[in-house]
Amino acid sequence: MIRLSKLTDYAIVVMSEMARHVGTVHTVSHLAERTGVPSPTVAKLMKTLTPAGLTTSHRGAAGGYALSRTADAISIAEIITALDGPIALTACVEGADSQCGVQRLCPMRGGWEKVNSAIRGALEQVTLADMMGPPVWAEAPPGPLDKIGAGPGPARRAAV
């Protein structure tokens, strides 16, 4: 199973919150309060995302962090790479920290790079804005089942 780290998941949550308030400098405590991600984790994220060029830090009494670009200009691949390293299914990929012990003899040598490139390319096409979706407090538009029967209640929908 391919799975992202919790830190990457938290980064997307925190950065989405930052993107909802463009032009605002956010403190770690404010981001923690708004997202439910613990303050130490938010601080750790900012210390990793800032050198990666995804956020900028602002010093001083009114300091904090802001996104370095708009949400539609930040790819999910950039976030994953900043926190988890190169996007790859196997260790035999350019930029990986570890090397495979049988790489010279492996009949698959180079073959996995096609898969890794496809995954990386797909993740580069998905932006932070794509992941944000509507705010949780937004009212959902009426669905087709709302027009059936006496009302839109959940018990009525289940009966249909």
C-alpha atoms as a PDB file:
ATOM      1  CA  MET A   1       0.000   0.000   0.000  1.00  0.00           C
ATOM      2  CA  ILE A   2       1.222   3.464  -0.846  1.00  0.00           C
ATOM      3  CA  ARG A   3       0.652   5.772   2.096  1.00  0.00           C
ATOM      4  CA  LEU A   4       1.676   9.344   2.841  1.00  0.00           C
ATOM      5  CA  SER A   5       3.046  10.234   6.239  1.00  0.00           C
ATOM      6  CA  LYS A   6       0.812  11.870   8.834  1.00  0.00           C
ATOM      7  CA  LEU A   7       3.088  14.888   8.665  1.00  0.00           C
ATOM      8  CA  THR A   8       2.331  15.320   4.951  1.00  0.00           C
ATOM      9  CA  ASP A   9      -1.386  14.956   5.612  1.00  0.00           C
ATOM     10  CA  TYR A  10      -1.171  17.563   8.380  1.00  0.00           C
ATOM     11  CA  ALA A  11       0.802  19.871   6.077  1.00  0.00           C
ATOM     12  CA  ILE A  12      -1.989  19.821   3.499  1.00  0.00           C
ATOM     13  CA  VAL A  13      -4.555  20.585   6.223  1.00  0.00           C
ATOM     14  CA  VAL A  14      -2.489  23.466   7.640  1.00  0.00           C
ATOM     15  CA  MET A  15      -1.581  24.901   4.239  1.00  0.00           C
ATOM     16  CA  SER A  16      -5.230  24.730   3.163  1.00  0.00           C
ATOM     17  CA  GLU A  17      -6.155  26.808   6.192  1.00  0.00           C
ATOM     18  CA  MET A  18      -3.449  29.316   5.288  1.00  0.00           C
ATOM     19  CA  ALA A  19      -4.724  29.468   1.696  1.00  0.00           C
ATOM     20  CA  ARG A  20      -8.254  30.292   2.859  1.00  0.00           C
ATOM     21  CA  HIS A  21      -6.880  33.549   4.293  1.00  0.00           C
ATOM     22  CA  VAL A  22      -4.664  34.925   1.524  1.00  0.00           C
ATOM     23  CA  GLY A  23      -2.436  37.807   2.565  1.00  0.00           C
ATOM     24  CA  THR A  24      -2.607  36.900   6.259  1.00  0.00           C
ATOM     25  CA  VAL A  25       0.412  36.080   8.380  1.00  0.00           C
ATOM     26  CA  HIS A  26      -0.481  33.116  10.598  1.00  0.00           C
ATOM     27  CA  THR A  27       1.009  32.208  13.947  1.00  0.00           C
ATOM     28  CA  VAL A  28       1.669  28.597  14.864  1.00  0.00           C
ATOM     29  CA  SER A  29      -0.857  28.790  17.704  1.00  0.00           C
ATOM     30  CA  HIS A  30      -3.543  30.260  15.428  1.00  0.00           C
ATOM     31  CA  LEU A  31      -3.011  27.522  12.828  1.00  0.00           C
ATOM     32  CA  ALA A  32      -3.085  24.843  15.528  1.00  0.00           C
ATOM     33  CA  GLU A  33      -6.340  26.226  16.914  1.00  0.00           C
ATOM     34  CA  ARG A  34      -8.007  26.501  13.493  1.00  0.00           C
ATOM     35  CA  THR A  35      -6.946  23.052  12.242  1.00  0.00           C
ATOM     36  CA  GLY A  36      -6.769  20.890  15.359  1.00  0.00           C
ATOM     37  CA  VAL A  37      -3.164  19.946  14.519  1.00  0.00           C
ATOM     38  CA  PRO A  38      -1.028  20.184  17.701  1.00  0.00           C
ATOM     39  CA  SER A  39       1.162  23.315  17.995  1.00  0.00           C
ATOM     40  CA  PRO A  40       4.473  21.384  18.109  1.00  0.00           C
ATOM     41  CA  THR A  41       3.511  19.613  14.892  1.00  0.00           C
ATOM     42  CA  VAL A  42       2.554  22.883  13.172  1.00  0.00           C
ATOM     43  CA  ALA A  43       5.900  24.381  14.276  1.00  0.00           C
ATOM     44  CA  LYS A  44       7.748  21.358  12.863  1.00  0.00           C
ATOM     45  CA  LEU A  45       5.847  21.689   9.579  1.00  0.00           C
ATOM     46  CA  MET A  46       6.692  25.370   9.231  1.00  0.00           C
ATOM     47  CA  LYS A  47      10.377  24.643   9.898  1.00  0.00           C
ATOM     48  CA  THR A  48      10.339  22.156   7.021  1.00  0.00           C
ATOM     49  CA  LEU A  49       8.032  23.961   4.573  1.00  0.00           C
ATOM     50  CA  THR A  50       9.824  27.313   4.792  1.00  0.00           C
ATOM     51  CA  PRO A  51      13.273  26.125   3.587  1.00  0.00           C
ATOM     52  CA  ALA A  52      11.455  24.158   0.855  1.00  0.00           C
ATOM     53  CA  GLY A  53      10.044  27.459  -0.427  1.00  0.00           C
ATOM     54  CA  LEU A  54       6.400  26.593   0.235  1.00  0.00           C
ATOM     55  CA  THR A  55       5.905  29.047   3.106  1.00  0.00           C
ATOM     56  CA  THR A  56       7.641  32.242   4.149  1.00  0.00           C
ATOM     57  CA  SER A  57       8.402  33.312   7.678  1.00  0.00           C
ATOM     58  CA  HIS A  58       7.842  36.833   8.977  1.00  0.00           C
ATOM     59  CA  ARG A  59       9.746  38.012  12.037  1.00  0.00           C
ATOM     60  CA  GLY A  60       8.685  40.407  14.719  1.00  0.00           C
ATOM     61  CA  ALA A  61       5.715  41.017  16.999  1.00  0.00           C
ATOM     62  CA  ALA A  62       3.249  40.560  14.121  1.00  0.00           C
ATOM     63  CA  GLY A  63       5.274  37.684  12.673  1.00  0.00           C
ATOM     64  CA  GLY A  64       4.284  34.226  11.632  1.00  0.00           C
ATOM     65  CA  TYR A  65       4.003  32.295   8.391  1.00  0.00           C
ATOM     66  CA  ALA A  66       2.320  32.738   5.013  1.00  0.00           C
ATOM     67  CA  LEU A  67       2.151  30.674   1.847  1.00  0.00           C
ATOM     68  CA  SER A  68       4.888  31.622  -0.595  1.00  0.00           C
ATOM     69  CA  ARG A  69       2.503  31.211  -3.551  1.00  0.00           C
ATOM     70  CA  THR A  70      -1.208  30.869  -4.159  1.00  0.00           C
ATOM     71  CA  ALA A  71      -2.826  27.476  -3.530  1.00  0.00           C
ATOM     72  CA  ASP A  72      -3.248  26.853  -7.255  1.00  0.00           C
ATOM     73  CA  ALA A  73       0.513  27.303  -7.756  1.00  0.00           C
ATOM     74  CA  ILE A  74       1.573  24.730  -5.129  1.00  0.00           C
ATOM     75  CA  SER A  75       1.456  21.099  -6.207  1.00  0.00           C
ATOM     76  CA  ILE A  76       0.816  18.209  -3.875  1.00  0.00           C
ATOM     77  CA  ALA A  77       4.044  16.683  -5.238  1.00  0.00           C
ATOM     78  CA  GLU A  78       6.002  19.651  -3.845  1.00  0.00           C
ATOM     79  CA  ILE A  79       4.476  19.189  -0.397  1.00  0.00           C
ATOM     80  CA  ILE A  80       5.134  15.434  -0.375  1.00  0.00           C
ATOM     81  CA  THR A  81       8.726  15.901  -1.544  1.00  0.00           C
ATOM     82  CA  ALA A  82       9.404  18.574   1.084  1.00  0.00           C
ATOM     83  CA  LEU A  83       8.239  16.311   3.914  1.00  0.00           C
ATOM     84  CA  ASP A  84       8.767  12.736   2.734  1.00  0.00           C
ATOM     85  CA  GLY A  85      11.558  13.043   0.177  1.00  0.00           C
ATOM     86  CA  PRO A  86      11.480  11.889  -3.442  1.00  0.00           C
ATOM     87  CA  ILE A  87       8.214  10.397  -4.676  1.00  0.00           C
ATOM     88  CA  ALA A  88       9.020   6.771  -5.439  1.00  0.00           C
ATOM     89  CA  LEU A  89       7.714   3.272  -4.895  1.00  0.00           C
ATOM     90  CA  THR A  90      11.180   1.764  -4.765  1.00  0.00           C
ATOM     91  CA  ALA A  91      14.626   2.789  -3.530  1.00  0.00           C
ATOM     92  CA  CYS A  92      16.092   2.615  -7.041  1.00  0.00           C
ATOM     93  CA  VAL A  93      15.084   6.090  -8.106  1.00  0.00           C
ATOM     94  CA  GLU A  94      17.073   9.246  -8.725  1.00  0.00           C
ATOM     95  CA  GLY A  95      17.398  11.358  -5.603  1.00  0.00           C
ATOM     96  CA  ALA A  96      16.614   8.545  -3.144  1.00  0.00           C
ATOM     97  CA  ASP A  97      18.703   8.471   0.027  1.00  0.00           C
ATOM     98  CA  SER A  98      19.056   4.682   0.079  1.00  0.00           C
ATOM     99  CA  GLN A  99      20.489   2.419  -2.570  1.00  0.00           C
ATOM    100  CA  CYS A 100      19.363  -1.074  -3.460  1.00  0.00           C
ATOM    101  CA  GLY A 101      21.952  -3.749  -2.725  1.00  0.00           C
ATOM    102  CA  VAL A 102      21.286  -5.651  -5.962  1.00  0.00           C
ATOM    103  CA  GLN A 103      20.749  -2.689  -8.261  1.00  0.00           C
ATOM    104  CA  ARG A 104      23.559  -3.693 -10.655  1.00  0.00           C
ATOM    105  CA  LEU A 105      22.074  -7.178 -11.161  1.00  0.00           C
ATOM    106  CA  CYS A 106      18.379  -6.253 -11.096  1.00  0.00           C
ATOM    107  CA  PRO A 107      16.409  -7.078 -14.271  1.00  0.00           C
ATOM    108  CA  MET A 108      13.907  -4.350 -13.306  1.00  0.00           C
ATOM    109  CA  ARG A 109      16.607  -1.660 -13.211  1.00  0.00           C
ATOM    110  CA  GLY A 110      15.163   1.428 -14.826  1.00  0.00           C
ATOM    111  CA  GLY A 111      11.705  -0.124 -15.206  1.00  0.00           C
ATOM    112  CA  TRP A 112      10.401   1.213 -11.933  1.00  0.00           C
ATOM    113  CA  GLU A 113      11.370   4.732 -12.952  1.00  0.00           C
ATOM    114  CA  LYS A 114       8.465   4.695 -15.445  1.00  0.00           C
ATOM    115  CA  VAL A 115       6.038   3.946 -12.611  1.00  0.00           C
ATOM    116  CA  ASN A 116       7.681   6.474 -10.301  1.00  0.00           C
ATOM    117  CA  SER A 117       7.526   9.139 -13.035  1.00  0.00           C
ATOM    118  CA  ALA A 118       3.845   8.435 -13.686  1.00  0.00           C
ATOM    119  CA  ILE A 119       2.974   8.802 -10.011  1.00  0.00           C
ATOM    120  CA  ARG A 120       5.115  11.907  -9.643  1.00  0.00           C
ATOM    121  CA  GLY A 121       3.524  13.415 -12.776  1.00  0.00           C
ATOM    122  CA  ALA A 122       0.009  12.756 -11.511  1.00  0.00           C
ATOM    123  CA  LEU A 123       0.774  14.362  -8.146  1.00  0.00           C
ATOM    124  CA  GLU A 124       2.330  17.373  -9.882  1.00  0.00           C
ATOM    125  CA  GLN A 125      -1.009  17.948 -11.622  1.00  0.00           C
ATOM    126  CA  VAL A 126      -2.943  18.150  -8.328  1.00  0.00           C
ATOM    127  CA  THR A 127      -2.680  21.487  -6.536  1.00  0.00           C
ATOM    128  CA  LEU A 128      -3.316  22.529  -2.972  1.00  0.00           C
ATOM    129  CA  ALA A 129      -6.382  24.395  -4.292  1.00  0.00           C
ATOM    130  CA  ASP A 130      -7.716  21.134  -5.765  1.00  0.00           C
ATOM    131  CA  MET A 131      -7.463  19.480  -2.353  1.00  0.00           C
ATOM    132  CA  MET A 132      -9.216  22.249  -0.450  1.00  0.00           C
ATOM    133  CA  GLY A 133     -12.793  21.750  -1.601  1.00  0.00           C
ATOM    134  CA  PRO A 134     -15.594  23.840  -0.118  1.00  0.00           C
ATOM    135  CA  PRO A 135     -15.400  24.931   3.514  1.00  0.00           C
ATOM    136  CA  VAL A 136     -17.049  22.506   5.933  1.00  0.00           C
ATOM    137  CA  TRP A 137     -19.636  25.087   6.919  1.00  0.00           C
ATOM    138  CA  ALA A 138     -20.832  25.577   3.340  1.00  0.00           C
ATOM    139  CA  GLU A 139     -24.340  24.341   2.665  1.00  0.00           C
ATOM    140  CA  ALA A 140     -24.405  21.488   0.197  1.00  0.00           C
ATOM    141  CA  PRO A 141     -26.594  22.052  -2.856  1.00  0.00           C
ATOM    142  CA  PRO A 142     -29.818  20.060  -2.908  1.00  0.00           C
ATOM    143  CA  GLY A 143     -29.387  16.568  -4.263  1.00  0.00           C
ATOM    144  CA  PRO A 144     -31.803  14.597  -6.461  1.00  0.00           C
ATOM    145  CA  LEU A 145     -33.267  12.771  -3.445  1.00  0.00           C
ATOM    146  CA  ASP A 146     -34.274  16.072  -1.823  1.00  0.00           C
ATOM    147  CA  LYS A 147     -37.010  16.442  -4.473  1.00  0.00           C
ATOM    148  CA  ILE A 148     -38.557  13.044  -3.688  1.00  0.00           C
ATOM    149  CA  GLY A 149     -41.134  12.565  -0.953  1.00  0.00           C
ATOM    150  CA  ALA A 150     -42.270  14.825   1.836  1.00  0.00           C
ATOM    151  CA  GLY A 151     -38.951  16.348   2.878  1.00  0.00           C
ATOM    152  CA  PRO A 152     -35.199  16.228   2.876  1.00  0.00           C
ATOM    153  CA  GLY A 153     -34.783  14.438   6.246  1.00  0.00           C
ATOM    154  CA  PRO A 154     -32.207  11.639   6.493  1.00  0.00           C
ATOM    155  CA  ALA A 155     -34.818   9.043   7.478  1.00  0.00           C
ATOM    156  CA  ARG A 156     -36.867   9.905   4.416  1.00  0.00           C
ATOM    157  CA  ARG A 157     -33.797   9.653   2.144  1.00  0.00           C
ATOM    158  CA  ALA A 158     -32.928   6.228   3.530  1.00  0.00           C
ATOM    159  CA  ALA A 159     -36.439   4.969   2.767  1.00  0.00           C
ATOM    160  CA  VAL A 160     -36.240   6.001  -0.892  1.00  0.00           C
END
